[in-house]
Amino acid sequence: MRMRSLILLCLVMAVVGAVFVWGRYYKTDPVSAEAAMQQQAPAQAPTQNAQQAAPQSTPQPAPEGGKPAVAVRVSEVTQASMPIRRRTIGWVEPIAAVAIKSRINSVIMEQHATDGAFVNKGDVLFVLDDREVKATIARDEAAMAQHQAEVERAHGDLERTKTLVAKQTASKQTLDQVVAAARAAEAAVAADKAILQADRLTLSYTTITAPISGRLGAVAVTPGNLVAVNGDVALVTITQMQPIRLSFTLPDRDIDALRAALAQYPPAAVRVFTKGEKTARANGNLIFIDSTVDAASGTITAKAEFANENLALWPGQYFDVEIELGVEPQAAIVPTVALQVGQDGLFVFVVTPDNKAEMRKVTVTGSDAERSAVTAGLQPGERVVVEGQHRLSPGAPVQVEQ
């Protein structure tokens, strides 16, 4: 029975194998036949409708010289009066700064100064131990009183001696001795007065006051500390904040304009700006021009003063500085974006009447955020390129866009 099952299984497997072989090698694939027919079919030419649908391109005439026209935007040069301004970098510095130190050897008894406080001239900052100085004054006052008594006695002796000399009962030599003694007593009193004046001056040193108005720095000492005459460490530093000064430099070619701006009344206006801002942080006036030019940099130092009422300027800060050096009457005005920087200085591209680019070197005397005054190189009515300059070269054809 078992043998018959095995034989039947073998027969079934043989039939399945025969069917697989027949289908693999003898059955035709309709998809493959269709692909073969398409390969054998001749290629068809495009229809007339397809030819009509194809886009038609009209050849454009090449510009003269073979260069394509560059699309640019232009602005017309106008004429107007323009302030002459210079921009540079400046740094804030105090007009006065004082390091407070003790003028005697003593001990701090009271501290009235606090870190960062604003003080006025004459305000008490520290009080030192004054007991030793007061004792010295009392001793010197007693010595002066003794010498004053000697002066009174000497004057009495002098009067009596003069009477005796007049009666010829005393010699001239005795009178001379009495006069000398009286003068010596008077000199001793004068010396005592000078000593007392020095003692009282030393006593004043025990109260340390602010010599200027300003802002205190960090206080370095506290009550109980011993302070020495002109010690290495300052007790505190006072920095004047109002008014305050700002220093800046300009090229030496602006010396004449700076001198004229300083001589006018009021002096030239100076404005400071925080980097990136268009609104002035503070307004002041030119007050100083240095007497020499820095030969290394070819610049001259100038200074301006600011009221600094709102404490907008702080010593040590750097700002953008703008100073007005006068007015350029009837200058050629162009947009600042039209100016380009080259090896020989500033230049602009001018569009000629035949729409060609012309590179023109210019001299700028002043500018603001949007306009610049040109005194040489341009005439009112000419057109300057304000957009597309980086694609231009001298003589290149241009196409002006509106």
Protein backbone atom coordinates (compact mmCIF):
# COMPACT_ATOMS: atom_id res chain seq x y z
CA MET A 1 0.00 0.00 0.00
CA ARG A 2 2.80 2.24 0.87
CA MET A 3 4.59 1.44 -2.35
CA ARG A 4 1.55 2.39 -4.44
CA SER A 5 1.38 5.83 -2.80
CA LEU A 6 5.01 6.52 -3.67
CA ILE A 7 4.49 5.55 -7.29
CA LEU A 8 1.43 7.80 -7.55
CA LEU A 9 3.35 10.75 -6.09
CA CYS A 10 6.16 10.29 -8.63
CA LEU A 11 3.69 10.29 -11.51
CA VAL A 12 2.07 13.55 -10.35
CA MET A 13 5.46 15.25 -10.10
CA ALA A 14 6.41 14.12 -13.59
CA VAL A 15 3.20 15.55 -15.08
CA VAL A 16 3.75 18.93 -13.35
CA GLY A 17 7.30 19.09 -14.66
CA ALA A 18 6.21 18.35 -18.21
CA VAL A 19 3.57 21.11 -18.12
CA PHE A 20 6.16 23.65 -16.86
CA VAL A 21 8.64 22.81 -19.60
CA TRP A 22 6.02 23.11 -22.31
CA GLY A 23 4.83 26.51 -21.12
CA ARG A 24 8.41 27.84 -20.77
CA TYR A 25 9.70 26.94 -24.21
CA TYR A 26 6.73 26.58 -26.53
CA LYS A 27 4.05 29.12 -25.45
CA THR A 28 4.10 32.52 -27.28
CA ASP A 29 4.12 35.78 -25.13
CA PRO A 30 1.69 38.27 -26.71
CA VAL A 31 3.41 41.29 -25.13
CA SER A 32 6.78 40.25 -26.55
CA ALA A 33 5.30 39.71 -30.00
CA GLU A 34 3.73 43.14 -29.95
CA ALA A 35 7.06 44.72 -28.97
CA ALA A 36 8.80 42.90 -31.82
CA MET A 37 6.22 44.18 -34.30
CA GLN A 38 6.76 47.74 -33.15
CA GLN A 39 10.52 47.45 -33.63
CA GLN A 40 10.03 46.25 -37.16
CA ALA A 41 7.52 49.03 -38.03
CA PRO A 42 9.08 52.05 -39.83
CA ALA A 43 9.30 55.31 -37.92
CA GLN A 44 6.50 57.73 -38.71
CA ALA A 45 7.28 61.33 -39.70
CA PRO A 46 5.80 64.14 -37.56
CA THR A 47 2.42 65.25 -38.64
CA GLN A 48 1.65 68.65 -40.13
CA ASN A 49 -0.21 69.70 -36.96
CA ALA A 50 2.88 68.99 -34.85
CA GLN A 51 4.94 71.13 -37.17
CA GLN A 52 2.46 73.97 -36.80
CA ALA A 53 2.49 73.64 -32.98
CA ALA A 54 6.28 74.04 -32.75
CA PRO A 55 7.25 77.55 -31.47
CA GLN A 56 8.64 79.95 -34.00
CA SER A 57 11.74 81.97 -32.87
CA THR A 58 12.67 85.21 -34.51
CA PRO A 59 16.42 85.81 -34.51
CA GLN A 60 17.38 89.06 -32.72
CA PRO A 61 19.98 91.27 -34.30
CA ALA A 62 23.25 91.27 -32.34
CA PRO A 63 24.16 94.64 -30.85
CA GLU A 64 27.08 96.56 -32.23
CA GLY A 65 30.38 95.01 -31.17
CA GLY A 66 28.70 91.72 -30.35
CA LYS A 67 28.05 92.64 -26.68
CA PRO A 68 24.53 92.31 -25.28
CA ALA A 69 23.00 95.41 -23.70
CA VAL A 70 23.12 95.50 -19.89
CA ALA A 71 19.88 96.38 -18.13
CA VAL A 72 20.44 99.21 -15.62
CA ARG A 73 18.53 101.80 -13.65
CA VAL A 74 19.64 105.42 -13.72
CA SER A 75 19.10 108.66 -11.83
CA GLU A 76 19.47 112.18 -13.13
CA VAL A 77 22.12 114.46 -11.60
CA THR A 78 20.51 117.46 -9.88
CA GLN A 79 21.94 120.70 -8.51
CA ALA A 80 21.43 122.03 -4.98
CA SER A 81 23.23 123.29 -1.89
CA MET A 82 24.61 120.48 0.26
CA PRO A 83 26.16 120.52 3.77
CA ILE A 84 29.78 119.36 3.80
CA ARG A 85 29.89 116.49 6.27
CA ARG A 86 32.64 114.14 7.35
CA ARG A 87 32.13 110.83 9.12
CA THR A 88 34.73 109.06 11.22
CA ILE A 89 35.15 107.11 14.46
CA GLY A 90 35.52 108.85 17.83
CA TRP A 91 36.05 107.86 21.44
CA VAL A 92 34.63 109.45 24.59
CA GLU A 93 36.99 110.81 27.24
CA PRO A 94 36.33 112.77 30.44
CA ILE A 95 37.39 116.39 30.70
CA ALA A 96 38.67 115.70 34.22
CA ALA A 97 39.35 112.59 36.31
CA VAL A 98 40.81 112.67 39.84
CA ALA A 99 42.29 109.82 41.88
CA ILE A 100 41.59 110.63 45.55
CA LYS A 101 44.50 109.90 47.93
CA SER A 102 45.27 110.82 51.51
CA ARG A 103 47.68 113.71 52.19
CA ILE A 104 48.52 112.54 55.72
CA ASN A 105 49.14 109.28 57.52
CA SER A 106 46.00 108.47 59.43
CA VAL A 107 43.12 106.05 59.93
CA ILE A 108 39.74 106.28 58.19
CA MET A 109 37.04 107.04 60.76
CA GLU A 110 34.03 107.74 58.48
CA GLN A 111 33.15 106.80 54.90
CA HIS A 112 30.57 108.85 53.01
CA ALA A 113 31.54 107.72 49.49
CA THR A 114 29.65 104.83 47.87
CA ASP A 115 30.40 102.92 44.70
CA GLY A 116 29.11 104.65 41.57
CA ALA A 117 27.53 107.61 43.35
CA PHE A 118 27.35 111.06 41.78
CA VAL A 119 28.91 113.78 43.92
CA ASN A 120 29.23 117.54 43.72
CA LYS A 121 32.36 119.54 44.28
CA GLY A 122 32.91 119.93 48.06
CA ASP A 123 30.94 116.86 49.16
CA VAL A 124 32.58 114.95 52.03
CA LEU A 125 33.96 111.57 50.98
CA PHE A 126 36.03 110.39 53.99
CA VAL A 127 36.85 111.59 57.50
CA LEU A 128 40.24 110.62 58.98
CA ASP A 129 41.36 110.43 62.61
CA ASP A 130 42.14 114.05 63.64
CA ARG A 131 43.03 113.64 67.34
CA GLU A 132 46.77 113.82 66.87
CA VAL A 133 46.53 116.92 64.70
CA LYS A 134 44.26 118.67 67.19
CA ALA A 135 46.70 117.92 69.99
CA THR A 136 49.51 119.43 67.94
CA ILE A 137 47.43 122.56 67.39
CA ALA A 138 46.76 122.91 71.14
CA ARG A 139 50.48 122.63 71.89
CA ASP A 140 51.42 125.22 69.29
CA GLU A 141 48.71 127.61 70.51
CA ALA A 142 50.17 127.40 74.01
CA ALA A 143 53.65 128.13 72.67
CA MET A 144 52.34 131.16 70.82
CA ALA A 145 50.63 132.45 73.95
CA GLN A 146 53.95 132.17 75.82
CA HIS A 147 55.74 134.09 73.10
CA GLN A 148 53.05 136.78 73.04
CA ALA A 149 53.60 137.29 76.78
CA GLU A 150 57.30 137.66 76.12
CA VAL A 151 56.51 140.26 73.47
CA GLU A 152 54.46 142.29 75.97
CA ARG A 153 57.25 142.09 78.54
CA ALA A 154 59.83 143.10 75.97
CA HIS A 155 57.75 146.11 74.97
CA GLY A 156 57.51 147.18 78.65
CA ASP A 157 61.26 146.85 79.09
CA LEU A 158 61.77 148.90 75.97
CA GLU A 159 59.61 151.78 77.20
CA ARG A 160 61.35 151.89 80.58
CA THR A 161 64.77 151.73 79.00
CA LYS A 162 63.94 154.61 76.68
CA THR A 163 62.95 156.70 79.74
CA LEU A 164 66.20 155.88 81.52
CA VAL A 165 68.22 156.70 78.44
CA ALA A 166 66.45 160.04 78.18
CA LYS A 167 67.45 160.77 81.83
CA GLN A 168 70.93 159.52 81.03
CA THR A 169 70.70 156.82 83.69
CA ALA A 170 70.97 153.95 81.17
CA SER A 171 73.47 153.42 78.41
CA LYS A 172 72.80 153.27 74.70
CA GLN A 173 74.03 149.68 74.69
CA THR A 174 71.34 148.65 77.15
CA LEU A 175 68.68 150.18 74.92
CA ASP A 176 69.95 148.24 71.91
CA GLN A 177 69.75 144.98 73.85
CA VAL A 178 66.16 145.65 74.92
CA VAL A 179 65.13 146.52 71.34
CA ALA A 180 66.67 143.27 70.05
CA ALA A 181 64.88 141.24 72.73
CA ALA A 182 61.53 142.80 71.76
CA ARG A 183 62.07 142.04 68.08
CA ALA A 184 63.04 138.43 68.88
CA ALA A 185 59.83 137.98 70.88
CA GLU A 186 57.78 139.36 67.99
CA ALA A 187 59.52 136.99 65.56
CA ALA A 188 58.74 134.04 67.80
CA VAL A 189 55.07 134.96 67.74
CA ALA A 190 55.11 135.24 63.93
CA ALA A 191 56.71 131.77 63.73
CA ASP A 192 54.03 130.40 66.03
CA LYS A 193 51.34 131.81 63.76
CA ALA A 194 52.88 130.09 60.74
CA ILE A 195 53.10 126.80 62.63
CA LEU A 196 49.47 127.06 63.66
CA GLN A 197 48.47 127.82 60.06
CA ALA A 198 50.28 124.64 58.93
CA ASP A 199 48.60 122.66 61.72
CA ARG A 200 45.16 123.86 60.70
CA LEU A 201 45.94 122.98 57.08
CA THR A 202 46.89 119.48 58.19
CA LEU A 203 43.65 119.31 60.15
CA SER A 204 41.73 120.11 56.97
CA TYR A 205 43.35 117.08 55.34
CA THR A 206 41.48 114.84 57.79
CA THR A 207 38.26 115.66 55.92
CA ILE A 208 38.55 114.49 52.32
CA THR A 209 36.12 116.26 49.97
CA ALA A 210 35.37 115.94 46.25
CA PRO A 211 37.57 118.34 44.23
CA ILE A 212 35.27 118.11 41.18
CA SER A 213 31.73 117.05 40.41
CA GLY A 214 31.35 113.65 38.82
CA ARG A 215 30.76 109.97 39.30
CA LEU A 216 32.64 107.86 41.83
CA GLY A 217 34.28 104.61 40.86
CA ALA A 218 34.72 101.64 43.16
CA VAL A 219 35.68 102.61 46.74
CA ALA A 220 38.94 100.87 47.64
CA VAL A 221 38.96 101.38 51.45
CA THR A 222 36.58 101.20 54.38
CA PRO A 223 36.62 102.69 57.92
CA GLY A 224 39.40 101.36 60.15
CA ASN A 225 41.99 101.12 57.38
CA LEU A 226 45.29 102.91 57.68
CA VAL A 227 46.02 105.32 54.82
CA ALA A 228 49.41 106.75 53.93
CA VAL A 229 50.55 109.94 52.26
CA ASN A 230 50.06 109.52 48.48
CA GLY A 231 49.63 105.79 48.80
CA ASP A 232 49.91 103.47 45.82
CA VAL A 233 46.16 102.76 45.81
CA ALA A 234 43.64 105.56 45.39
CA LEU A 235 40.81 105.70 47.89
CA VAL A 236 38.36 106.33 45.06
CA THR A 237 38.32 107.90 41.59
CA ILE A 238 36.02 110.71 40.46
CA THR A 239 35.27 111.06 36.73
CA GLN A 240 33.59 114.16 35.34
CA MET A 241 30.54 113.16 33.28
CA GLN A 242 28.88 116.50 32.51
CA PRO A 243 30.06 117.99 30.24
CA ILE A 244 32.11 115.35 28.48
CA ARG A 245 34.49 115.33 25.55
CA LEU A 246 34.84 113.22 22.40
CA SER A 247 38.06 112.89 20.36
CA PHE A 248 38.26 111.95 16.69
CA THR A 249 40.66 112.24 13.76
CA LEU A 250 40.26 113.49 10.19
CA PRO A 251 42.63 113.48 7.20
CA ASP A 252 45.03 116.41 7.06
CA ARG A 253 43.37 117.64 3.84
CA ASP A 254 40.45 118.80 6.02
CA ILE A 255 42.58 121.12 8.17
CA ASP A 256 41.44 124.32 6.45
CA ALA A 257 37.79 123.32 6.71
CA LEU A 258 38.27 122.37 10.38
CA ARG A 259 39.87 125.72 11.20
CA ALA A 260 37.03 127.59 9.52
CA ALA A 261 34.46 125.44 11.34
CA LEU A 262 36.12 126.16 14.71
CA ALA A 263 36.32 129.90 14.06
CA GLN A 264 32.62 130.31 13.25
CA TYR A 265 30.05 131.04 15.95
CA PRO A 266 28.65 128.82 17.14
CA PRO A 267 31.37 126.29 16.29
CA ALA A 268 30.63 123.44 13.91
CA ALA A 269 28.00 120.95 15.00
CA VAL A 270 29.17 117.43 15.85
CA ARG A 271 26.84 114.45 16.16
CA VAL A 272 27.52 110.94 17.41
CA PHE A 273 25.69 107.79 16.33
CA THR A 274 25.58 104.29 17.67
CA LYS A 275 26.69 101.85 14.99
CA GLY A 276 23.77 101.01 12.72
CA GLU A 277 21.50 103.82 13.98
CA LYS A 278 20.38 106.84 11.96
CA THR A 279 19.21 108.99 14.88
CA ALA A 280 21.94 110.96 16.63
CA ARG A 281 22.70 109.80 20.16
CA ALA A 282 24.05 113.21 21.24
CA ASN A 283 24.77 116.65 19.75
CA GLY A 284 27.76 118.83 20.57
CA ASN A 285 30.17 121.40 19.15
CA LEU A 286 33.76 121.43 17.95
CA ILE A 287 36.06 122.91 20.63
CA PHE A 288 39.65 121.96 19.74
CA ILE A 289 42.02 121.16 16.86
CA ASP A 290 45.45 119.74 17.59
CA SER A 291 48.48 121.86 16.71
CA THR A 292 50.30 119.11 14.79
CA VAL A 293 49.47 116.46 12.22
CA ASP A 294 50.33 112.84 12.96
CA ALA A 295 53.00 112.14 10.35
CA ALA A 296 52.52 108.38 10.61
CA SER A 297 48.80 108.39 9.78
CA GLY A 298 48.40 111.74 8.03
CA THR A 299 45.54 112.70 10.34
CA ILE A 300 44.83 115.51 12.77
CA THR A 301 43.04 115.15 16.11
CA ALA A 302 39.97 117.23 16.94
CA LYS A 303 37.69 117.30 19.96
CA ALA A 304 34.06 118.12 20.56
CA GLU A 305 32.21 118.86 23.79
CA PHE A 306 28.78 117.51 24.76
CA ALA A 307 26.53 118.57 27.63
CA ASN A 308 25.70 114.88 28.20
CA GLU A 309 22.66 115.78 30.27
CA ASN A 310 21.11 112.33 29.85
CA LEU A 311 24.46 110.54 30.31
CA ALA A 312 24.20 109.06 26.81
CA LEU A 313 28.00 109.16 26.45
CA TRP A 314 30.23 107.14 28.74
CA PRO A 315 34.03 107.46 28.98
CA GLY A 316 35.82 104.89 26.85
CA GLN A 317 32.95 104.29 24.40
CA TYR A 318 33.45 104.42 20.63
CA PHE A 319 30.88 106.04 18.32
CA ASP A 320 30.38 107.03 14.70
CA VAL A 321 31.02 110.77 14.44
CA GLU A 322 29.58 113.23 11.92
CA ILE A 323 30.81 116.82 11.71
CA GLU A 324 29.51 119.62 9.49
CA LEU A 325 32.33 121.64 7.90
CA GLY A 326 30.20 124.11 5.95
CA VAL A 327 27.90 124.17 2.92
CA GLU A 328 28.73 123.42 -0.73
CA PRO A 329 26.58 125.81 -2.81
CA GLN A 330 25.13 124.60 -6.12
CA ALA A 331 26.76 121.19 -6.03
CA ALA A 332 25.93 118.30 -8.34
CA ILE A 333 23.80 115.88 -6.28
CA VAL A 334 23.77 112.13 -7.00
CA PRO A 335 22.40 109.15 -5.08
CA THR A 336 25.08 107.73 -2.80
CA VAL A 337 24.49 104.23 -4.22
CA ALA A 338 25.84 105.44 -7.56
CA LEU A 339 29.35 105.91 -6.13
CA GLN A 340 31.86 103.13 -6.74
CA VAL A 341 35.35 102.72 -5.29
CA GLY A 342 38.24 102.11 -7.68
CA GLN A 343 42.02 102.11 -7.56
CA ASP A 344 42.11 105.84 -8.29
CA GLY A 345 39.30 106.80 -5.93
CA LEU A 346 35.56 107.25 -6.38
CA PHE A 347 33.85 106.96 -9.76
CA VAL A 348 30.39 106.58 -11.29
CA PHE A 349 29.04 105.12 -14.52
CA VAL A 350 27.39 107.74 -16.73
CA VAL A 351 24.94 106.74 -19.47
CA THR A 352 25.77 108.70 -22.63
CA PRO A 353 23.07 109.90 -25.09
CA ASP A 354 23.78 106.88 -27.32
CA ASN A 355 23.19 104.52 -24.34
CA LYS A 356 26.82 103.62 -23.69
CA ALA A 357 28.43 103.29 -20.25
CA GLU A 358 31.14 105.83 -19.46
CA MET A 359 33.26 105.54 -16.31
CA ARG A 360 33.70 108.98 -14.74
CA LYS A 361 36.03 109.83 -11.83
CA VAL A 362 34.36 112.18 -9.32
CA THR A 363 35.24 114.29 -6.28
CA VAL A 364 32.81 114.10 -3.36
CA THR A 365 32.76 116.87 -0.75
CA GLY A 366 29.91 115.67 1.41
CA SER A 367 27.23 113.04 1.71
CA ASP A 368 24.42 111.82 3.88
CA ALA A 369 22.67 108.49 4.00
CA GLU A 370 21.09 108.87 0.55
CA ARG A 371 22.74 111.78 -1.33
CA SER A 372 26.28 112.88 -2.13
CA ALA A 373 27.61 116.23 -3.36
CA VAL A 374 30.00 116.01 -6.32
CA THR A 375 32.15 119.05 -7.14
CA ALA A 376 34.09 117.60 -10.10
CA GLY A 377 33.31 115.04 -12.79
CA LEU A 378 29.56 115.50 -13.32
CA GLN A 379 27.16 118.07 -14.70
CA PRO A 380 23.48 118.55 -13.78
CA GLY A 381 21.19 116.69 -16.15
CA GLU A 382 23.51 113.73 -16.79
CA ARG A 383 22.35 110.21 -16.01
CA VAL A 384 24.26 108.03 -13.55
CA VAL A 385 23.75 104.31 -13.02
CA VAL A 386 22.31 103.42 -9.61
CA GLU A 387 21.59 99.72 -10.21
CA GLY A 388 23.51 97.20 -12.30
CA GLN A 389 26.97 98.83 -12.05
CA HIS A 390 28.74 95.55 -11.26
CA ARG A 391 27.89 94.24 -14.76
CA LEU A 392 29.20 97.30 -16.59
CA SER A 393 32.50 98.11 -18.23
CA PRO A 394 33.56 101.31 -20.04
CA GLY A 395 31.86 101.54 -23.43
CA ALA A 396 29.39 98.73 -22.78
CA PRO A 397 25.90 99.18 -24.31
CA VAL A 398 23.17 99.67 -21.74
CA GLN A 399 19.40 99.36 -21.71
CA VAL A 400 17.78 101.81 -19.32
CA GLU A 401 14.87 100.33 -17.37
CA GLN A 402 12.18 102.45 -15.82
